[in-house]
Protein backbone atom coordinates (compact mmCIF):
# COMPACT_ATOMS: atom_id res chain seq x y z
CA MET A 1 9.51 -19.23 -12.26
CA SER A 2 11.32 -19.35 -9.09
CA LYS A 3 9.85 -22.34 -7.21
CA GLU A 4 12.76 -22.64 -4.93
CA GLN A 5 12.92 -19.05 -3.91
CA ARG A 6 9.27 -19.10 -3.38
CA ALA A 7 9.57 -22.34 -1.24
CA ARG A 8 12.17 -20.63 0.94
CA ILE A 9 10.08 -17.61 1.67
CA ASP A 10 7.21 -19.55 2.39
CA ALA A 11 9.06 -21.53 4.81
CA MET A 12 10.62 -18.48 6.32
CA MET A 13 7.41 -16.88 6.83
CA ARG A 14 5.97 -20.04 8.68
CA GLN A 15 8.72 -20.09 11.41
CA PRO A 16 6.79 -20.62 14.85
CA ARG A 17 5.59 -17.60 16.46
CA PRO A 18 4.11 -16.91 19.83
CA GLU A 19 0.78 -18.42 20.37
CA GLY A 20 -2.24 -16.27 20.91
CA PRO A 21 -2.78 -12.48 20.33
CA ARG A 22 0.26 -10.40 20.69
CA SER A 23 0.20 -6.90 22.38
CA VAL A 24 0.65 -4.00 20.34
CA GLU A 25 4.32 -3.32 21.13
CA GLU A 26 5.12 -6.80 20.29
CA LEU A 27 3.22 -6.54 16.93
CA ARG A 28 5.34 -3.31 16.18
CA ALA A 29 8.73 -4.66 17.11
CA GLY A 30 8.01 -8.09 15.44
CA PHE A 31 7.20 -6.38 12.14
CA LYS A 32 10.02 -3.70 12.25
CA ALA A 33 12.34 -6.80 12.72
CA LEU A 34 11.01 -8.49 9.72
CA MET A 35 11.13 -5.44 7.46
CA ASP A 36 14.84 -4.67 8.53
CA GLN A 37 15.66 -7.81 6.83
CA MET A 38 14.35 -6.59 3.46
CA MET A 39 16.83 -4.94 0.87
CA VAL A 40 16.90 -1.51 0.25
CA PRO A 41 18.13 -0.33 -3.09
CA ASP A 42 21.40 1.78 -3.55
CA GLY A 43 21.04 5.03 -5.41
CA ILE A 44 18.40 6.72 -3.27
CA ARG A 45 18.51 9.28 -0.34
CA THR A 46 16.19 9.70 2.45
CA THR A 47 15.12 12.71 4.56
CA ARG A 48 12.68 13.58 7.00
CA THR A 49 10.00 16.29 6.29
CA THR A 50 6.61 17.40 7.28
CA LEU A 51 3.48 16.73 4.90
CA GLY A 52 -0.04 17.66 6.11
CA ALA A 53 1.17 18.50 9.71
CA ARG A 54 2.51 14.78 10.05
CA SER A 55 6.27 13.78 9.72
CA ALA A 56 6.92 12.17 6.39
CA LEU A 57 9.90 10.49 4.80
CA HIS A 58 11.17 11.90 1.56
CA VAL A 59 12.74 9.49 -0.85
CA GLU A 60 14.63 10.39 -4.13
CA PRO A 61 17.09 9.17 -6.54
CA ASP A 62 20.83 10.36 -5.76
CA ASN A 63 21.16 11.97 -9.21
CA GLY A 64 17.89 14.01 -8.81
CA PRO A 65 14.22 13.21 -9.68
CA ARG A 66 12.34 13.55 -12.66
CA ALA A 67 9.12 15.44 -12.35
CA GLY A 68 6.45 13.26 -10.70
CA THR A 69 5.73 12.35 -7.30
CA ILE A 70 4.60 9.01 -5.60
CA LEU A 71 2.47 9.53 -2.47
CA TYR A 72 3.42 6.01 -0.61
CA PHE A 73 1.23 4.49 2.25
CA HIS A 74 2.93 2.07 4.42
CA GLY A 75 1.22 -1.10 5.42
CA GLY A 76 0.79 -2.59 8.84
CA GLY A 77 -2.85 -3.35 9.65
CA PHE A 78 -3.17 0.31 10.68
CA VAL A 79 -1.59 -0.62 13.99
CA PHE A 80 2.18 -1.18 13.25
CA GLY A 81 4.54 -0.30 10.37
CA SER A 82 6.16 3.20 9.57
CA PRO A 83 7.57 4.90 6.46
CA GLU A 84 10.83 3.30 7.17
CA THR A 85 9.53 -0.25 7.41
CA ALA A 86 8.02 0.50 3.99
CA LEU A 87 11.30 1.70 2.53
CA PRO A 88 12.24 -1.69 0.67
CA LEU A 89 9.08 -0.90 -1.38
CA THR A 90 9.28 2.87 -1.69
CA GLY A 91 12.85 2.81 -2.34
CA HIS A 92 12.56 0.34 -5.21
CA LEU A 93 9.82 2.28 -6.92
CA VAL A 94 11.94 5.51 -6.54
CA ALA A 95 14.98 3.78 -8.18
CA LYS A 96 13.12 2.23 -10.74
CA THR A 97 10.88 5.11 -11.96
CA GLY A 98 13.11 8.08 -11.11
CA PHE A 99 10.28 9.87 -9.22
CA ARG A 100 10.40 11.21 -5.75
CA ALA A 101 8.27 9.79 -3.16
CA TYR A 102 6.70 11.06 0.09
CA SER A 103 5.76 8.48 2.76
CA PRO A 104 3.55 10.04 5.45
CA ASP A 105 3.87 8.85 9.20
CA TYR A 106 0.03 8.55 9.71
CA ARG A 107 -1.30 8.05 12.98
CA LEU A 108 -1.92 4.18 14.16
CA ALA A 109 -4.49 2.32 15.90
CA PRO A 110 -5.47 1.66 18.83
CA GLU A 111 -4.23 5.10 19.78
CA HIS A 112 -5.87 6.56 16.73
CA PRO A 113 -8.55 4.43 15.31
CA PHE A 114 -10.41 4.89 12.10
CA PRO A 115 -10.82 7.53 10.32
CA ALA A 116 -7.41 9.02 11.62
CA ALA A 117 -5.35 7.46 8.99
CA ILE A 118 -7.37 8.41 6.29
CA GLU A 119 -7.64 12.03 7.65
CA ASP A 120 -3.63 12.08 7.70
CA THR A 121 -3.25 10.53 4.15
CA LEU A 122 -5.80 13.12 2.77
CA SER A 123 -3.97 15.88 4.54
CA ALA A 124 -0.79 14.83 3.02
CA TYR A 125 -2.28 14.80 -0.48
CA ARG A 126 -3.92 18.23 0.05
CA ASP A 127 -0.65 19.57 1.17
CA LEU A 128 1.09 18.33 -2.01
CA LEU A 129 -1.48 19.93 -3.97
CA ASP A 130 -1.23 23.25 -2.08
CA SER A 131 2.47 23.18 -2.72
CA GLY A 132 2.03 23.32 -6.21
CA ALA A 133 2.01 19.69 -7.40
CA ASP A 134 -0.03 18.91 -10.46
CA PRO A 135 -2.47 16.04 -9.71
CA SER A 136 -1.76 14.66 -13.14
CA ALA A 137 1.98 14.17 -11.98
CA ILE A 138 1.03 12.56 -8.59
CA ALA A 139 0.28 8.70 -7.98
CA PHE A 140 -1.00 7.07 -4.87
CA ALA A 141 0.87 3.80 -3.86
CA GLY A 142 1.05 1.62 -0.88
CA ASP A 143 0.84 -1.89 0.51
CA SER A 144 -1.49 -3.94 2.67
CA ALA A 145 -3.31 -1.52 4.97
CA GLY A 146 -1.56 1.22 2.89
CA GLY A 147 -2.87 -0.30 -0.12
CA GLY A 148 -6.24 0.16 1.02
CA LEU A 149 -5.47 3.69 1.91
CA THR A 150 -4.70 4.23 -1.77
CA VAL A 151 -8.39 3.59 -2.54
CA THR A 152 -10.10 5.17 0.45
CA THR A 153 -7.88 8.34 0.39
CA CYS A 154 -9.03 8.66 -3.15
CA LEU A 155 -12.63 8.24 -2.09
CA ALA A 156 -11.95 10.93 0.73
CA ALA A 157 -10.40 13.18 -2.11
CA ARG A 158 -13.33 12.85 -4.22
CA GLU A 159 -15.79 13.71 -1.53
CA ALA A 160 -13.70 16.76 -0.47
CA GLY A 161 -13.76 17.80 -3.93
CA LEU A 162 -9.88 17.70 -4.66
CA PRO A 163 -8.68 16.62 -8.12
CA LEU A 164 -7.69 12.88 -8.20
CA PRO A 165 -4.36 11.61 -8.64
CA ALA A 166 -3.21 10.26 -11.92
CA ALA A 167 -2.77 6.57 -10.90
CA ILE A 168 -3.27 4.19 -8.13
CA VAL A 169 -0.93 1.43 -7.29
CA ALA A 170 -1.83 -1.16 -4.53
CA PHE A 171 0.14 -4.16 -3.56
CA SER A 172 -1.90 -6.79 -1.54
CA PRO A 173 -4.38 -4.14 -0.44
CA GLY A 174 -6.55 -4.60 2.53
CA LEU A 175 -10.02 -3.64 1.25
CA ASP A 176 -12.60 -5.22 3.23
CA ALA A 177 -13.16 -4.85 6.95
CA THR A 178 -16.37 -7.06 6.78
CA ARG A 179 -13.79 -9.92 5.73
CA THR A 180 -16.41 -11.58 3.58
CA GLY A 181 -14.30 -12.63 0.84
CA GLU A 182 -14.11 -16.33 0.14
CA SER A 183 -10.43 -16.31 0.11
CA MET A 184 -10.46 -15.45 3.89
CA ASP A 185 -11.60 -19.24 4.18
CA THR A 186 -10.23 -20.94 1.13
CA LYS A 187 -6.59 -19.64 1.50
CA GLU A 188 -6.55 -20.21 5.27
CA GLY A 189 -3.40 -22.35 5.90
CA ILE A 190 -2.27 -21.91 2.53
CA ASP A 191 -1.40 -18.22 3.41
CA PRO A 192 2.10 -18.28 5.52
CA ILE A 193 1.56 -14.90 7.23
CA PHE A 194 -1.96 -14.24 7.85
CA THR A 195 -5.00 -15.99 9.60
CA ARG A 196 -8.41 -14.76 9.87
CA GLU A 197 -8.12 -14.56 13.74
CA ALA A 198 -5.01 -12.41 13.17
CA VAL A 199 -6.54 -9.89 10.91
CA GLU A 200 -9.73 -9.52 12.81
CA HIS A 201 -7.53 -8.80 16.01
CA THR A 202 -5.78 -5.79 14.44
CA GLY A 203 -8.83 -5.06 12.47
CA ALA A 204 -10.90 -4.66 15.74
CA MET A 205 -8.21 -2.19 16.94
CA TYR A 206 -8.71 0.00 13.87
CA LEU A 207 -12.56 -0.17 14.07
CA ALA A 208 -12.77 0.71 17.54
CA GLY A 209 -16.53 -0.23 17.35
CA ALA A 210 -17.10 1.45 14.02
CA ASP A 211 -19.44 -0.19 11.45
CA PRO A 212 -17.34 -1.88 8.66
CA HIS A 213 -20.22 -1.82 6.30
CA GLN A 214 -19.06 1.47 4.88
CA PRO A 215 -17.06 2.61 1.86
CA LEU A 216 -14.16 3.78 3.72
CA LEU A 217 -13.52 0.56 5.38
CA SER A 218 -14.95 -1.94 2.98
CA PRO A 219 -14.44 -0.53 -0.57
CA ALA A 220 -14.08 -3.78 -2.23
CA VAL A 221 -17.63 -4.44 -1.42
CA LEU A 222 -19.40 -1.15 -0.85
CA ALA A 223 -17.42 1.73 -2.87
CA ASP A 224 -18.61 3.66 -5.74
CA LEU A 225 -15.37 4.06 -7.96
CA THR A 226 -16.77 6.20 -10.74
CA GLY A 227 -14.14 8.65 -11.83
CA PHE A 228 -11.43 6.76 -10.33
CA PRO A 229 -7.77 7.09 -12.06
CA PRO A 230 -6.38 4.00 -13.55
CA LEU A 231 -5.68 1.20 -10.96
CA LEU A 232 -2.96 -1.44 -10.83
CA ILE A 233 -3.35 -4.02 -8.10
CA GLN A 234 -0.74 -6.87 -7.43
CA VAL A 235 -1.56 -9.61 -5.31
CA GLY A 236 -0.48 -13.18 -4.77
CA THR A 237 -2.64 -16.30 -4.89
CA ASN A 238 -1.64 -17.53 -1.42
CA GLU A 239 -3.32 -14.62 0.43
CA ILE A 240 -6.29 -14.73 2.48
CA LEU A 241 -6.96 -11.08 1.25
CA LEU A 242 -6.96 -12.28 -2.32
CA ASP A 243 -10.49 -11.57 -2.91
CA ASP A 244 -10.26 -8.13 -1.74
CA SER A 245 -8.17 -7.46 -4.81
CA THR A 246 -10.43 -9.38 -6.99
CA ARG A 247 -13.64 -7.82 -5.95
CA LEU A 248 -12.39 -4.25 -6.18
CA ALA A 249 -11.06 -4.88 -9.80
CA ALA A 250 -14.35 -5.94 -10.63
CA ARG A 251 -16.17 -2.94 -9.06
CA ALA A 252 -13.51 -0.71 -11.02
CA ARG A 253 -14.25 -2.39 -14.33
CA ALA A 254 -17.90 -2.17 -13.65
CA ALA A 255 -17.55 1.56 -13.05
CA GLY A 256 -15.61 2.11 -16.39
CA VAL A 257 -12.16 2.51 -14.62
CA ASP A 258 -9.02 1.23 -16.33
CA VAL A 259 -7.74 -1.44 -14.00
CA ILE A 260 -4.99 -4.04 -14.12
CA LEU A 261 -5.35 -7.03 -11.95
CA ASP A 262 -1.97 -8.37 -11.56
CA VAL A 263 -1.99 -11.85 -9.86
CA THR A 264 1.24 -13.85 -9.13
CA ALA A 265 1.16 -17.58 -8.13
CA ASP A 266 2.25 -18.95 -5.00
CA VAL A 267 3.67 -16.10 -3.28
CA PRO A 268 2.71 -14.48 0.04
CA HIS A 269 1.25 -11.06 1.02
CA VAL A 270 3.31 -8.21 -0.21
CA PHE A 271 5.66 -10.34 -2.03
CA GLN A 272 7.13 -7.27 -3.67
CA SER A 273 9.01 -6.67 -0.14
CA PHE A 274 11.20 -9.72 -1.25
CA ALA A 275 12.91 -7.70 -4.08
CA GLY A 276 16.26 -8.97 -4.60
CA VAL A 277 15.72 -12.45 -3.27
CA LEU A 278 12.67 -13.45 -5.07
CA ASP A 279 12.51 -13.01 -8.85
CA GLU A 280 8.66 -12.31 -8.85
CA ALA A 281 9.18 -9.45 -6.62
CA ASP A 282 11.65 -7.71 -8.84
CA GLU A 283 9.50 -8.52 -11.96
CA ALA A 284 6.22 -7.18 -10.17
CA LEU A 285 8.11 -4.11 -9.33
CA ASP A 286 9.24 -3.38 -12.82
CA ARG A 287 5.59 -3.70 -14.05
CA ALA A 288 4.61 -1.16 -11.31
CA ALA A 289 7.13 1.21 -12.34
CA LEU A 290 6.30 0.91 -16.04
CA PHE A 291 2.74 1.73 -15.06
CA LEU A 292 3.84 4.76 -13.09
CA GLY A 293 5.90 6.07 -15.75
CA GLN A 294 3.13 5.75 -18.33
CA ARG A 295 0.65 7.28 -16.15
CA LEU A 296 2.47 10.19 -14.69
CA GLY A 297 3.83 11.27 -18.12
CA ALA A 298 1.37 13.93 -18.50
CA GLY A 299 2.53 15.85 -15.57
CA ARG A 300 6.39 15.81 -16.51
CA ALA A 301 6.47 19.65 -16.90
CA ALA A 302 4.58 20.12 -13.55
CA LYS A 303 6.09 22.19 -10.73
CA ALA A 304 7.69 19.88 -8.22
CA PRO A 305 6.66 20.59 -4.49
CA GLU A 306 9.37 22.05 -1.98
CA LYS A 307 8.91 20.52 1.19
């Protein structure tokens, strides 16, 4: 375990910030600046493409991909972030698995509140299927709000009668807009990144008055996960969103879904972003890559989509 590494990252994430709610522009600029500090692996190439009528980032290994596709949903509270800010995560998954990835640039709140993000991620998935991709060779992956989208997009796909992907990987997913998890209070102050006030501020932009008591907004407490593909959920103990993950894992288990709840001690929200400087981040990404490699194996002979 890397106590010194974890302590340095915790201290870095606790650097003083402006008091009070920040504007949308400040949130977006601050998040981009933070993620620009993260390491993107060598051995990958990126190109812009279109998926589901939205711009998307295509990421693949320099030496050519193996058959299989990761549909990656970036984090950012549905208000900020982009496929580029998620590249430290998407890039490491591509480098470690050899699969290609597409990361859609879904619409953001407050300009485009719920359910715009889910509409865009579902359209991206539908486009992959229409391009000839075998669902047994597709995995959903994402972090934070994007981790939540891995679950809600799967719910929307099931409702639309689409075949479900082969697997889901969620890093520190946001899964409860009702904010009723005990960790929202017990981890306050322990979490170096989030406070209840902060997540409720961005959450209100995404909700735009919508009732949070519905499966597409709070799947950890309301979703029926029957028939879901195998799930890998990774989360840190220092997160106010910890119980979003633990409760979704319990619902998945109760629904007869294969689920791995992978909890790492004393690490912050989306700690996998610190790959290259935090041992636990590299190890977690190795476990995610192993999971993806095992679950997408059935689709290795599938046709790869051309975008």
